[in-house]
Structures are given as structure tokens and as C-alpha cells.
């Protein structure tokens, strides 16, 4: 997960195309955010 986000950020900073499709990167971020939210709530959350 971290590698995909890092690759996307580096591509944006360099003005190059992303090596990871946007939809995949967005899904990766959503999963991470859901994991943190689940920890906060102490319960499963939907994506």
C-alpha cells in the first residue's frame, strides 16, 4: 500500500504519468482510511 501511494506522489511531483492507475491508488487510500476508522470505532466499517 505505501509503495503505491509513494509511487503516485513521486510521479505527480516529477510531472510524469503515474505507474499506478488512479482508481487503484484511490482504492488503496480508501482501505487505509477505513482501517484507521475501524480502529477508532473498535468495529468493522464499510468502504
N, C-alpha and C. Protein backbone atom coordinates (compact mmCIF):
# COMPACT_ATOMS: atom_id res chain seq x y z
N UNK A 1 0.84 -1.19 0.00
CA UNK A 1 0.00 0.00 0.00
C UNK A 1 0.87 1.25 0.00
N UNK A 2 1.81 1.34 0.90
CA UNK A 2 2.64 2.54 0.99
C UNK A 2 3.43 2.75 -0.28
N UNK A 3 3.91 1.68 -0.89
CA UNK A 3 4.68 1.80 -2.13
C UNK A 3 3.87 2.39 -3.26
N UNK A 4 2.59 2.01 -3.35
CA UNK A 4 1.73 2.54 -4.40
C UNK A 4 1.50 4.03 -4.21
N UNK A 5 1.22 4.44 -3.00
CA UNK A 5 0.98 5.85 -2.73
C UNK A 5 2.25 6.65 -2.98
N UNK A 6 3.37 6.14 -2.53
CA UNK A 6 4.66 6.82 -2.74
C UNK A 6 4.94 6.98 -4.23
N UNK A 7 4.70 5.93 -5.03
CA UNK A 7 4.94 5.99 -6.46
C UNK A 7 4.05 7.04 -7.11
N UNK A 8 2.81 7.13 -6.67
CA UNK A 8 1.89 8.12 -7.22
C UNK A 8 2.37 9.54 -6.89
N UNK A 9 2.74 9.77 -5.64
CA UNK A 9 3.20 11.10 -5.23
C UNK A 9 4.47 11.49 -5.99
N UNK A 10 5.41 10.58 -6.13
CA UNK A 10 6.65 10.87 -6.85
C UNK A 10 6.37 11.20 -8.32
N UNK A 11 5.44 10.47 -8.93
CA UNK A 11 5.09 10.75 -10.32
C UNK A 11 4.46 12.13 -10.46
N UNK A 12 3.58 12.50 -9.54
CA UNK A 12 2.95 13.82 -9.59
C UNK A 12 4.00 14.91 -9.43
N UNK A 13 4.89 14.74 -8.48
CA UNK A 13 5.94 15.75 -8.25
C UNK A 13 6.87 15.89 -9.45
N UNK A 14 7.13 14.79 -10.15
CA UNK A 14 8.04 14.81 -11.30
C UNK A 14 7.32 15.18 -12.59
N UNK A 15 5.99 15.32 -12.55
CA UNK A 15 5.23 15.64 -13.75
C UNK A 15 5.18 14.49 -14.73
N UNK A 16 5.27 13.27 -14.22
CA UNK A 16 5.26 12.08 -15.07
C UNK A 16 3.96 11.31 -14.85
N UNK A 17 3.64 10.43 -15.78
CA UNK A 17 2.44 9.61 -15.60
C UNK A 17 2.60 8.68 -14.40
N UNK A 18 1.52 8.40 -13.75
CA UNK A 18 1.55 7.51 -12.60
C UNK A 18 1.78 6.07 -13.03
N UNK A 19 2.65 5.36 -12.33
CA UNK A 19 2.83 3.94 -12.63
C UNK A 19 1.69 3.10 -12.08
N UNK A 20 0.85 3.71 -11.25
CA UNK A 20 -0.29 3.03 -10.65
C UNK A 20 -1.56 3.74 -11.15
N UNK A 21 -2.52 3.00 -11.70
CA UNK A 21 -3.76 3.64 -12.15
C UNK A 21 -4.42 4.41 -11.00
N UNK A 22 -5.01 5.56 -11.31
CA UNK A 22 -5.62 6.40 -10.29
C UNK A 22 -6.64 5.63 -9.45
N UNK A 23 -7.48 4.83 -10.10
CA UNK A 23 -8.52 4.10 -9.39
C UNK A 23 -7.90 3.16 -8.35
N UNK A 24 -6.81 2.53 -8.70
CA UNK A 24 -6.14 1.62 -7.78
C UNK A 24 -5.55 2.39 -6.59
N UNK A 25 -4.93 3.52 -6.87
CA UNK A 25 -4.35 4.34 -5.80
C UNK A 25 -5.45 4.87 -4.88
N UNK A 26 -6.57 5.31 -5.45
CA UNK A 26 -7.68 5.82 -4.64
C UNK A 26 -8.25 4.71 -3.76
N UNK A 27 -8.35 3.51 -4.29
CA UNK A 27 -8.86 2.39 -3.50
C UNK A 27 -7.89 2.07 -2.36
N UNK A 28 -6.61 2.12 -2.62
CA UNK A 28 -5.61 1.86 -1.59
C UNK A 28 -5.74 2.86 -0.45
N UNK A 29 -5.91 4.13 -0.78
CA UNK A 29 -6.09 5.16 0.25
C UNK A 29 -7.38 4.91 1.03
N UNK A 30 -8.45 4.56 0.33
CA UNK A 30 -9.73 4.31 0.99
C UNK A 30 -9.63 3.14 1.98
N UNK A 31 -8.91 2.10 1.61
CA UNK A 31 -8.73 0.96 2.50
C UNK A 31 -7.96 1.38 3.75
N UNK A 32 -6.91 2.16 3.58
CA UNK A 32 -6.14 2.64 4.71
C UNK A 32 -6.97 3.50 5.65
N UNK A 33 -7.76 4.40 5.08
CA UNK A 33 -8.61 5.27 5.90
C UNK A 33 -9.66 4.45 6.64
N UNK A 34 -10.22 3.45 5.98
CA UNK A 34 -11.21 2.59 6.62
C UNK A 34 -10.58 1.80 7.77
N UNK A 35 -9.35 1.37 7.58
CA UNK A 35 -8.66 0.64 8.65
C UNK A 35 -8.48 1.52 9.88
N UNK A 36 -8.04 2.75 9.68
CA UNK A 36 -7.88 3.67 10.81
C UNK A 36 -9.23 3.96 11.48
N UNK A 37 -10.27 4.13 10.68
CA UNK A 37 -11.60 4.41 11.23
C UNK A 37 -12.10 3.22 12.04
N UNK A 38 -11.85 2.02 11.54
CA UNK A 38 -12.25 0.81 12.23
C UNK A 38 -11.54 0.71 13.59
N UNK A 39 -10.28 1.07 13.62
CA UNK A 39 -9.53 1.07 14.88
C UNK A 39 -10.14 2.07 15.85
N UNK A 40 -10.47 3.26 15.35
CA UNK A 40 -11.07 4.29 16.21
C UNK A 40 -12.40 3.82 16.81
N UNK A 41 -13.21 3.19 15.97
CA UNK A 41 -14.54 2.77 16.40
C UNK A 41 -14.53 1.44 17.16
N UNK A 42 -13.48 0.66 16.94
CA UNK A 42 -13.44 -0.66 17.54
C UNK A 42 -14.42 -1.61 16.90
N UNK A 43 -14.73 -1.36 15.61
CA UNK A 43 -15.71 -2.18 14.89
C UNK A 43 -15.41 -2.11 13.40
N UNK A 44 -15.90 -3.09 12.65
CA UNK A 44 -15.72 -3.06 11.19
C UNK A 44 -16.43 -1.84 10.58
N UNK A 45 -15.90 -1.35 9.47
CA UNK A 45 -16.53 -0.26 8.73
C UNK A 45 -16.64 -0.67 7.26
N UNK A 46 -17.60 -0.10 6.57
CA UNK A 46 -17.75 -0.35 5.14
C UNK A 46 -16.88 0.61 4.35
N UNK A 47 -16.43 0.17 3.20
CA UNK A 47 -15.69 1.06 2.29
C UNK A 47 -16.66 1.87 1.48
